[in-house]
Amino acid sequence: MPAIVRDNPARHRYELEVEGHVAVAEYRLAAGVITFVHTVVPKELGGKGVGSALARGALEDVRRRRLKVVAECPFIKGFMDKHAEFNDLLA
């Protein structure tokens, strides 16, 4: 999947556009901590790995920015539970 995950700070979310649809991971940002609150993958993109690509891209950006993560969103929490390489980001 050649699409790129982008942070949209004005809308407080990471976005991944695929096939004309946009998947989003919404967040709240505080001093040094990002709290993921909700993830939405359009039904047209379901089962294509878009949610996982979005989560991975967002978490890689969080690491680059040296933030800690609070995963209130069940999807992001589940992704992190399955991918221990991101556990160091947990607040």
PDB file of N, CA and C in Angstrom:
ATOM      1  N   MET A   1       0.860  -1.178   0.000  1.00  0.00           N
ATOM      2  CA  MET A   1       0.000   0.000   0.000  1.00  0.00           C
ATOM      3  C   MET A   1       0.902   1.236   0.000  1.00  0.00           C
ATOM      4  N   PRO A   2       0.968   1.982  -1.098  1.00  0.00           N
ATOM      5  CA  PRO A   2       1.882   3.110  -1.218  1.00  0.00           C
ATOM      6  C   PRO A   2       1.408   4.381  -0.519  1.00  0.00           C
ATOM      7  N   ALA A   3       0.204   4.400   0.023  1.00  0.00           N
ATOM      8  CA  ALA A   3      -0.328   5.604   0.654  1.00  0.00           C
ATOM      9  C   ALA A   3       0.481   5.959   1.901  1.00  0.00           C
ATOM     10  N   ILE A   4       0.475   7.242   2.239  1.00  0.00           N
ATOM     11  CA  ILE A   4       1.254   7.754   3.359  1.00  0.00           C
ATOM     12  C   ILE A   4       0.316   8.244   4.455  1.00  0.00           C
ATOM     13  N   VAL A   5       0.632   7.872   5.697  1.00  0.00           N
ATOM     14  CA  VAL A   5      -0.118   8.362   6.847  1.00  0.00           C
ATOM     15  C   VAL A   5       0.352   9.786   7.131  1.00  0.00           C
ATOM     16  N   ARG A   6      -0.611  10.685   7.256  1.00  0.00           N
ATOM     17  CA  ARG A   6      -0.288  12.095   7.513  1.00  0.00           C
ATOM     18  C   ARG A   6      -0.985  12.578   8.775  1.00  0.00           C
ATOM     19  N   ASP A   7      -0.275  13.395   9.537  1.00  0.00           N
ATOM     20  CA  ASP A   7      -0.883  14.053  10.684  1.00  0.00           C
ATOM     21  C   ASP A   7      -1.629  15.284  10.187  1.00  0.00           C
ATOM     22  N   ASN A   8      -2.848  15.453  10.648  1.00  0.00           N
ATOM     23  CA  ASN A   8      -3.632  16.639  10.344  1.00  0.00           C
ATOM     24  C   ASN A   8      -3.898  17.330  11.683  1.00  0.00           C
ATOM     25  N   PRO A   9      -2.932  18.148  12.161  1.00  0.00           N
ATOM     26  CA  PRO A   9      -3.072  18.740  13.489  1.00  0.00           C
ATOM     27  C   PRO A   9      -4.278  19.663  13.625  1.00  0.00           C
ATOM     28  N   ALA A  10      -4.717  20.288  12.547  1.00  0.00           N
ATOM     29  CA  ALA A  10      -5.883  21.165  12.616  1.00  0.00           C
ATOM     30  C   ALA A  10      -7.148  20.383  12.964  1.00  0.00           C
ATOM     31  N   ARG A  11      -7.189  19.104  12.567  1.00  0.00           N
ATOM     32  CA  ARG A  11      -8.365  18.259  12.842  1.00  0.00           C
ATOM     33  C   ARG A  11      -8.086  17.227  13.930  1.00  0.00           C
ATOM     34  N   HIS A  12      -6.888  17.272  14.523  1.00  0.00           N
ATOM     35  CA  HIS A  12      -6.502  16.373  15.613  1.00  0.00           C
ATOM     36  C   HIS A  12      -6.659  14.908  15.212  1.00  0.00           C
ATOM     37  N   ARG A  13      -6.043  14.580  14.071  1.00  0.00           N
ATOM     38  CA  ARG A  13      -6.148  13.198  13.629  1.00  0.00           C
ATOM     39  C   ARG A  13      -5.049  12.863  12.616  1.00  0.00           C
ATOM     40  N   TYR A  14      -4.722  11.578  12.588  1.00  0.00           N
ATOM     41  CA  TYR A  14      -3.879  11.033  11.530  1.00  0.00           C
ATOM     42  C   TYR A  14      -4.812  10.541  10.439  1.00  0.00           C
ATOM     43  N   GLU A  15      -4.372  10.676   9.186  1.00  0.00           N
ATOM     44  CA  GLU A  15      -5.213  10.303   8.055  1.00  0.00           C
ATOM     45  C   GLU A  15      -4.445   9.413   7.084  1.00  0.00           C
ATOM     46  N   LEU A  16      -5.168   8.488   6.484  1.00  0.00           N
ATOM     47  CA  LEU A  16      -4.623   7.634   5.435  1.00  0.00           C
ATOM     48  C   LEU A  16      -5.672   7.553   4.330  1.00  0.00           C
ATOM     49  N   GLU A  17      -5.341   8.124   3.171  1.00  0.00           N
ATOM     50  CA  GLU A  17      -6.264   8.104   2.044  1.00  0.00           C
ATOM     51  C   GLU A  17      -5.937   6.924   1.137  1.00  0.00           C
ATOM     52  N   VAL A  18      -6.963   6.114   0.867  1.00  0.00           N
ATOM     53  CA  VAL A  18      -6.817   4.939   0.014  1.00  0.00           C
ATOM     54  C   VAL A  18      -8.071   4.849  -0.859  1.00  0.00           C
ATOM     55  N   GLU A  19      -7.868   4.706  -2.151  1.00  0.00           N
ATOM     56  CA  GLU A  19      -8.974   4.522  -3.087  1.00  0.00           C
ATOM     57  C   GLU A  19     -10.056   5.586  -2.938  1.00  0.00           C
ATOM     58  N   GLY A  20      -9.648   6.821  -2.671  1.00  0.00           N
ATOM     59  CA  GLY A  20     -10.591   7.916  -2.554  1.00  0.00           C
ATOM     60  C   GLY A  20     -11.324   8.013  -1.230  1.00  0.00           C
ATOM     61  N   HIS A  21     -10.990   7.150  -0.279  1.00  0.00           N
ATOM     62  CA  HIS A  21     -11.596   7.161   1.050  1.00  0.00           C
ATOM     63  C   HIS A  21     -10.511   7.485   2.070  1.00  0.00           C
ATOM     64  N   VAL A  22     -10.910   8.074   3.199  1.00  0.00           N
ATOM     65  CA  VAL A  22      -9.943   8.463   4.222  1.00  0.00           C
ATOM     66  C   VAL A  22     -10.242   7.744   5.530  1.00  0.00           C
ATOM     67  N   ALA A  23      -9.245   7.003   6.011  1.00  0.00           N
ATOM     68  CA  ALA A  23      -9.295   6.390   7.335  1.00  0.00           C
ATOM     69  C   ALA A  23      -8.629   7.360   8.304  1.00  0.00           C
ATOM     70  N   VAL A  24      -9.161   7.459   9.524  1.00  0.00           N
ATOM     71  CA  VAL A  24      -8.624   8.427  10.481  1.00  0.00           C
ATOM     72  C   VAL A  24      -8.437   7.807  11.864  1.00  0.00           C
ATOM     73  N   ALA A  25      -7.407   8.309  12.555  1.00  0.00           N
ATOM     74  CA  ALA A  25      -7.173   7.986  13.964  1.00  0.00           C
ATOM     75  C   ALA A  25      -7.168   9.319  14.701  1.00  0.00           C
ATOM     76  N   GLU A  26      -8.231   9.576  15.450  1.00  0.00           N
ATOM     77  CA  GLU A  26      -8.389  10.850  16.150  1.00  0.00           C
ATOM     78  C   GLU A  26      -7.636  10.816  17.473  1.00  0.00           C
ATOM     79  N   TYR A  27      -7.131  11.990  17.854  1.00  0.00           N
ATOM     80  CA  TYR A  27      -6.335  12.068  19.074  1.00  0.00           C
ATOM     81  C   TYR A  27      -6.518  13.383  19.806  1.00  0.00           C
ATOM     82  N   ARG A  28      -6.074  13.371  21.076  1.00  0.00           N
ATOM     83  CA  ARG A  28      -5.905  14.591  21.874  1.00  0.00           C
ATOM     84  C   ARG A  28      -4.424  14.690  22.180  1.00  0.00           C
ATOM     85  N   LEU A  29      -3.901  15.890  22.145  1.00  0.00           N
ATOM     86  CA  LEU A  29      -2.485  16.099  22.388  1.00  0.00           C
ATOM     87  C   LEU A  29      -2.305  16.970  23.613  1.00  0.00           C
ATOM     88  N   ALA A  30      -1.431  16.531  24.527  1.00  0.00           N
ATOM     89  CA  ALA A  30      -1.059  17.306  25.711  1.00  0.00           C
ATOM     90  C   ALA A  30       0.467  17.283  25.783  1.00  0.00           C
ATOM     91  N   ALA A  31       1.021  17.913  26.763  1.00  0.00           N
ATOM     92  CA  ALA A  31       2.476  18.010  26.893  1.00  0.00           C
ATOM     93  C   ALA A  31       3.129  16.632  26.887  1.00  0.00           C
ATOM     94  N   GLY A  32       3.735  16.262  25.755  1.00  0.00           N
ATOM     95  CA  GLY A  32       4.481  15.014  25.655  1.00  0.00           C
ATOM     96  C   GLY A  32       3.654  13.750  25.542  1.00  0.00           C
ATOM     97  N   VAL A  33       2.321  13.877  25.484  1.00  0.00           N
ATOM     98  CA  VAL A  33       1.450  12.695  25.453  1.00  0.00           C
ATOM     99  C   VAL A  33       0.381  12.866  24.376  1.00  0.00           C
ATOM    100  N   ILE A  34       0.202  11.816  23.596  1.00  0.00           N
ATOM    101  CA  ILE A  34      -0.882  11.780  22.619  1.00  0.00           C
ATOM    102  C   ILE A  34      -1.850  10.682  23.042  1.00  0.00           C
ATOM    103  N   THR A  35      -3.123  11.021  23.112  1.00  0.00           N
ATOM    104  CA  THR A  35      -4.163  10.066  23.497  1.00  0.00           C
ATOM    105  C   THR A  35      -5.002   9.768  22.264  1.00  0.00           C
ATOM    106  N   PHE A  36      -4.929   8.527  21.796  1.00  0.00           N
ATOM    107  CA  PHE A  36      -5.762   8.112  20.669  1.00  0.00           C
ATOM    108  C   PHE A  36      -7.146   7.776  21.203  1.00  0.00           C
ATOM    109  N   VAL A  37      -8.168   8.414  20.630  1.00  0.00           N
ATOM    110  CA  VAL A  37      -9.521   8.278  21.162  1.00  0.00           C
ATOM    111  C   VAL A  37     -10.480   7.522  20.247  1.00  0.00           C
ATOM    112  N   HIS A  38     -10.214   7.524  18.937  1.00  0.00           N
ATOM    113  CA  HIS A  38     -11.173   6.883  18.028  1.00  0.00           C
ATOM    114  C   HIS A  38     -10.513   6.654  16.677  1.00  0.00           C
ATOM    115  N   THR A  39     -10.770   5.506  16.092  1.00  0.00           N
ATOM    116  CA  THR A  39     -10.271   5.192  14.754  1.00  0.00           C
ATOM    117  C   THR A  39     -11.456   4.814  13.874  1.00  0.00           C
ATOM    118  N   VAL A  40     -11.459   5.348  12.653  1.00  0.00           N
ATOM    119  CA  VAL A  40     -12.530   5.053  11.708  1.00  0.00           C
ATOM    120  C   VAL A  40     -11.913   4.631  10.380  1.00  0.00           C
ATOM    121  N   VAL A  41     -12.306   3.442   9.928  1.00  0.00           N
ATOM    122  CA  VAL A  41     -11.918   2.967   8.602  1.00  0.00           C
ATOM    123  C   VAL A  41     -13.214   2.801   7.808  1.00  0.00           C
ATOM    124  N   PRO A  42     -13.360   3.528   6.705  1.00  0.00           N
ATOM    125  CA  PRO A  42     -14.581   3.397   5.909  1.00  0.00           C
ATOM    126  C   PRO A  42     -14.833   1.946   5.498  1.00  0.00           C
ATOM    127  N   LYS A  43     -16.093   1.559   5.467  1.00  0.00           N
ATOM    128  CA  LYS A  43     -16.441   0.162   5.166  1.00  0.00           C
ATOM    129  C   LYS A  43     -15.879  -0.293   3.824  1.00  0.00           C
ATOM    130  N   GLU A  44     -15.714   0.647   2.890  1.00  0.00           N
ATOM    131  CA  GLU A  44     -15.165   0.296   1.580  1.00  0.00           C
ATOM    132  C   GLU A  44     -13.713  -0.188   1.669  1.00  0.00           C
ATOM    133  N   LEU A  45     -13.046   0.150   2.753  1.00  0.00           N
ATOM    134  CA  LEU A  45     -11.636  -0.233   2.928  1.00  0.00           C
ATOM    135  C   LEU A  45     -11.455  -1.386   3.914  1.00  0.00           C
ATOM    136  N   GLY A  46     -12.547  -1.877   4.462  1.00  0.00           N
ATOM    137  CA  GLY A  46     -12.475  -2.947   5.447  1.00  0.00           C
ATOM    138  C   GLY A  46     -11.808  -4.200   4.903  1.00  0.00           C
ATOM    139  N   GLY A  47     -11.011  -4.846   5.745  1.00  0.00           N
ATOM    140  CA  GLY A  47     -10.356  -6.098   5.379  1.00  0.00           C
ATOM    141  C   GLY A  47      -9.151  -5.955   4.467  1.00  0.00           C
ATOM    142  N   LYS A  48      -8.691  -4.734   4.261  1.00  0.00           N
ATOM    143  CA  LYS A  48      -7.556  -4.500   3.362  1.00  0.00           C
ATOM    144  C   LYS A  48      -6.280  -4.104   4.109  1.00  0.00           C
ATOM    145  N   GLY A  49      -6.319  -4.143   5.438  1.00  0.00           N
ATOM    146  CA  GLY A  49      -5.143  -3.778   6.208  1.00  0.00           C
ATOM    147  C   GLY A  49      -4.945  -2.283   6.375  1.00  0.00           C
ATOM    148  N   VAL A  50      -5.957  -1.500   6.003  1.00  0.00           N
ATOM    149  CA  VAL A  50      -5.841  -0.047   6.072  1.00  0.00           C
ATOM    150  C   VAL A  50      -5.744   0.423   7.522  1.00  0.00           C
ATOM    151  N   GLY A  51      -6.546  -0.142   8.399  1.00  0.00           N
ATOM    152  CA  GLY A  51      -6.493   0.247   9.806  1.00  0.00           C
ATOM    153  C   GLY A  51      -5.127  -0.019  10.416  1.00  0.00           C
ATOM    154  N   SER A  52      -4.566  -1.166  10.114  1.00  0.00           N
ATOM    155  CA  SER A  52      -3.234  -1.500  10.633  1.00  0.00           C
ATOM    156  C   SER A  52      -2.163  -0.581  10.060  1.00  0.00           C
ATOM    157  N   ALA A  53      -2.269  -0.261   8.780  1.00  0.00           N
ATOM    158  CA  ALA A  53      -1.309   0.660   8.162  1.00  0.00           C
ATOM    159  C   ALA A  53      -1.420   2.046   8.789  1.00  0.00           C
ATOM    160  N   LEU A  54      -2.647   2.471   9.068  1.00  0.00           N
ATOM    161  CA  LEU A  54      -2.872   3.757   9.722  1.00  0.00           C
ATOM    162  C   LEU A  54      -2.259   3.763  11.119  1.00  0.00           C
ATOM    163  N   ALA A  55      -2.539   2.727  11.896  1.00  0.00           N
ATOM    164  CA  ALA A  55      -2.002   2.645  13.255  1.00  0.00           C
ATOM    165  C   ALA A  55      -0.480   2.633  13.234  1.00  0.00           C
ATOM    166  N   ARG A  56       0.111   1.813  12.381  1.00  0.00           N
ATOM    167  CA  ARG A  56       1.572   1.729  12.298  1.00  0.00           C
ATOM    168  C   ARG A  56       2.187   3.081  11.923  1.00  0.00           C
ATOM    169  N   GLY A  57       1.634   3.721  10.908  1.00  0.00           N
ATOM    170  CA  GLY A  57       2.160   5.013  10.474  1.00  0.00           C
ATOM    171  C   GLY A  57       2.036   6.077  11.549  1.00  0.00           C
ATOM    172  N   ALA A  58       0.893   6.097  12.236  1.00  0.00           N
ATOM    173  CA  ALA A  58       0.695   7.075  13.311  1.00  0.00           C
ATOM    174  C   ALA A  58       1.686   6.826  14.449  1.00  0.00           C
ATOM    175  N   LEU A  59       1.855   5.565  14.840  1.00  0.00           N
ATOM    176  CA  LEU A  59       2.764   5.249  15.950  1.00  0.00           C
ATOM    177  C   LEU A  59       4.218   5.499  15.579  1.00  0.00           C
ATOM    178  N   GLU A  60       4.572   5.277  14.338  1.00  0.00           N
ATOM    179  CA  GLU A  60       5.933   5.598  13.908  1.00  0.00           C
ATOM    180  C   GLU A  60       6.182   7.097  13.975  1.00  0.00           C
ATOM    181  N   ASP A  61       5.171   7.892  13.628  1.00  0.00           N
ATOM    182  CA  ASP A  61       5.313   9.345  13.736  1.00  0.00           C
ATOM    183  C   ASP A  61       5.389   9.772  15.200  1.00  0.00           C
ATOM    184  N   VAL A  62       4.595   9.151  16.047  1.00  0.00           N
ATOM    185  CA  VAL A  62       4.631   9.439  17.483  1.00  0.00           C
ATOM    186  C   VAL A  62       6.030   9.161  18.030  1.00  0.00           C
ATOM    187  N   ARG A  63       6.624   8.054  17.622  1.00  0.00           N
ATOM    188  CA  ARG A  63       7.987   7.727  18.058  1.00  0.00           C
ATOM    189  C   ARG A  63       8.969   8.797  17.581  1.00  0.00           C
ATOM    190  N   ARG A  64       8.855   9.185  16.324  1.00  0.00           N
ATOM    191  CA  ARG A  64       9.741  10.212  15.774  1.00  0.00           C
ATOM    192  C   ARG A  64       9.621  11.521  16.561  1.00  0.00           C
ATOM    193  N   ARG A  65       8.415  11.826  17.000  1.00  0.00           N
ATOM    194  CA  ARG A  65       8.154  13.062  17.750  1.00  0.00           C
ATOM    195  C   ARG A  65       8.465  12.919  19.237  1.00  0.00           C
ATOM    196  N   ARG A  66       8.831  11.713  19.654  1.00  0.00           N
ATOM    197  CA  ARG A  66       9.194  11.408  21.051  1.00  0.00           C
ATOM    198  C   ARG A  66       8.053  11.693  22.024  1.00  0.00           C
ATOM    199  N   LEU A  67       6.858  11.281  21.609  1.00  0.00           N
ATOM    200  CA  LEU A  67       5.684  11.405  22.463  1.00  0.00           C
ATOM    201  C   LEU A  67       5.399  10.058  23.119  1.00  0.00           C
ATOM    202  N   LYS A  68       4.616  10.085  24.184  1.00  0.00           N
ATOM    203  CA  LYS A  68       4.105   8.878  24.808  1.00  0.00           C
ATOM    204  C   LYS A  68       2.644   8.709  24.407  1.00  0.00           C
ATOM    205  N   VAL A  69       2.151   7.482  24.470  1.00  0.00           N
ATOM    206  CA  VAL A  69       0.812   7.145  23.977  1.00  0.00           C
ATOM    207  C   VAL A  69      -0.098   6.679  25.103  1.00  0.00           C
ATOM    208  N   VAL A  70      -1.311   7.188  25.092  1.00  0.00           N
ATOM    209  CA  VAL A  70      -2.423   6.625  25.858  1.00  0.00           C
ATOM    210  C   VAL A  70      -3.397   6.109  24.814  1.00  0.00           C
ATOM    211  N   ALA A  71      -3.694   4.814  24.870  1.00  0.00           N
ATOM    212  CA  ALA A  71      -4.546   4.184  23.857  1.00  0.00           C
ATOM    213  C   ALA A  71      -5.951   3.972  24.411  1.00  0.00           C
ATOM    214  N   GLU A  72      -6.772   5.022  24.394  1.00  0.00           N
ATOM    215  CA  GLU A  72      -8.182   4.889  24.781  1.00  0.00           C
ATOM    216  C   GLU A  72      -8.974   4.203  23.675  1.00  0.00           C
ATOM    217  N   CYS A  73      -8.544   4.365  22.442  1.00  0.00           N
ATOM    218  CA  CYS A  73      -9.204   3.768  21.295  1.00  0.00           C
ATOM    219  C   CYS A  73      -8.962   2.255  21.292  1.00  0.00           C
ATOM    220  N   PRO A  74     -10.020   1.452  21.257  1.00  0.00           N
ATOM    221  CA  PRO A  74      -9.847  -0.002  21.266  1.00  0.00           C
ATOM    222  C   PRO A  74      -9.035  -0.523  20.080  1.00  0.00           C
ATOM    223  N   PHE A  75      -9.152   0.106  18.926  1.00  0.00           N
ATOM    224  CA  PHE A  75      -8.401  -0.377  17.766  1.00  0.00           C
ATOM    225  C   PHE A  75      -6.907  -0.152  17.962  1.00  0.00           C
ATOM    226  N   ILE A  76      -6.523   1.057  18.379  1.00  0.00           N
ATOM    227  CA  ILE A  76      -5.102   1.355  18.606  1.00  0.00           C
ATOM    228  C   ILE A  76      -4.567   0.477  19.736  1.00  0.00           C
ATOM    229  N   LYS A  77      -5.345   0.302  20.801  1.00  0.00           N
ATOM    230  CA  LYS A  77      -4.916  -0.567  21.907  1.00  0.00           C
ATOM    231  C   LYS A  77      -4.691  -1.981  21.411  1.00  0.00           C
ATOM    232  N   GLY A  78      -5.628  -2.507  20.631  1.00  0.00           N
ATOM    233  CA  GLY A  78      -5.494  -3.857  20.091  1.00  0.00           C
ATOM    234  C   GLY A  78      -4.279  -3.992  19.192  1.00  0.00           C
ATOM    235  N   PHE A  79      -4.032  -2.985  18.366  1.00  0.00           N
ATOM    236  CA  PHE A  79      -2.863  -3.009  17.499  1.00  0.00           C
ATOM    237  C   PHE A  79      -1.589  -3.044  18.332  1.00  0.00           C
ATOM    238  N   MET A  80      -1.526  -2.215  19.361  1.00  0.00           N
ATOM    239  CA  MET A  80      -0.333  -2.179  20.209  1.00  0.00           C
ATOM    240  C   MET A  80      -0.165  -3.481  20.981  1.00  0.00           C
ATOM    241  N   ASP A  81      -1.265  -4.087  21.394  1.00  0.00           N
ATOM    242  CA  ASP A  81      -1.189  -5.384  22.085  1.00  0.00           C
ATOM    243  C   ASP A  81      -0.568  -6.447  21.185  1.00  0.00           C
ATOM    244  N   LYS A  82      -0.822  -6.372  19.878  1.00  0.00           N
ATOM    245  CA  LYS A  82      -0.308  -7.358  18.927  1.00  0.00           C
ATOM    246  C   LYS A  82       1.087  -7.019  18.412  1.00  0.00           C
ATOM    247  N   HIS A  83       1.527  -5.789  18.617  1.00  0.00           N
ATOM    248  CA  HIS A  83       2.816  -5.338  18.081  1.00  0.00           C
ATOM    249  C   HIS A  83       3.663  -4.753  19.207  1.00  0.00           C
ATOM    250  N   ALA A  84       4.338  -5.641  19.900  1.00  0.00           N
ATOM    251  CA  ALA A  84       5.106  -5.262  21.089  1.00  0.00           C
ATOM    252  C   ALA A  84       6.204  -4.247  20.788  1.00  0.00           C
ATOM    253  N   GLU A  85       6.587  -4.111  19.527  1.00  0.00           N
ATOM    254  CA  GLU A  85       7.637  -3.146  19.197  1.00  0.00           C
ATOM    255  C   GLU A  85       7.218  -1.703  19.483  1.00  0.00           C
ATOM    256  N   PHE A  86       5.933  -1.490  19.770  1.00  0.00           N
ATOM    257  CA  PHE A  86       5.457  -0.143  20.092  1.00  0.00           C
ATOM    258  C   PHE A  86       5.190   0.038  21.588  1.00  0.00           C
ATOM    259  N   ASN A  87       5.408  -0.997  22.401  1.00  0.00           N
ATOM    260  CA  ASN A  87       5.111  -0.905  23.827  1.00  0.00           C
ATOM    261  C   ASN A  87       5.911   0.161  24.546  1.00  0.00           C
ATOM    262  N   ASP A  88       7.092   0.485  24.044  1.00  0.00           N
ATOM    263  CA  ASP A  88       7.903   1.524  24.686  1.00  0.00           C
ATOM    264  C   ASP A  88       7.250   2.905  24.598  1.00  0.00           C
ATOM    265  N   LEU A  89       6.247   3.049  23.751  1.00  0.00           N
ATOM    266  CA  LEU A  89       5.571   4.338  23.599  1.00  0.00           C
ATOM    267  C   LEU A  89       4.485   4.569  24.639  1.00  0.00           C
ATOM    268  N   LEU A  90       4.068   3.512  25.332  1.00  0.00           N
ATOM    269  CA  LEU A  90       2.968   3.645  26.280  1.00  0.00           C
ATOM    270  C   LEU A  90       3.335   4.544  27.451  1.00  0.00           C
ATOM    271  N   ALA A  91       2.392   5.437  27.780  1.00  0.00           N
ATOM    272  CA  ALA A  91       2.604   6.389  28.892  1.00  0.00           C
ATOM    273  C   ALA A  91       2.417   5.663  30.214  1.00  0.00           C
TER     274      ALA A  91
END
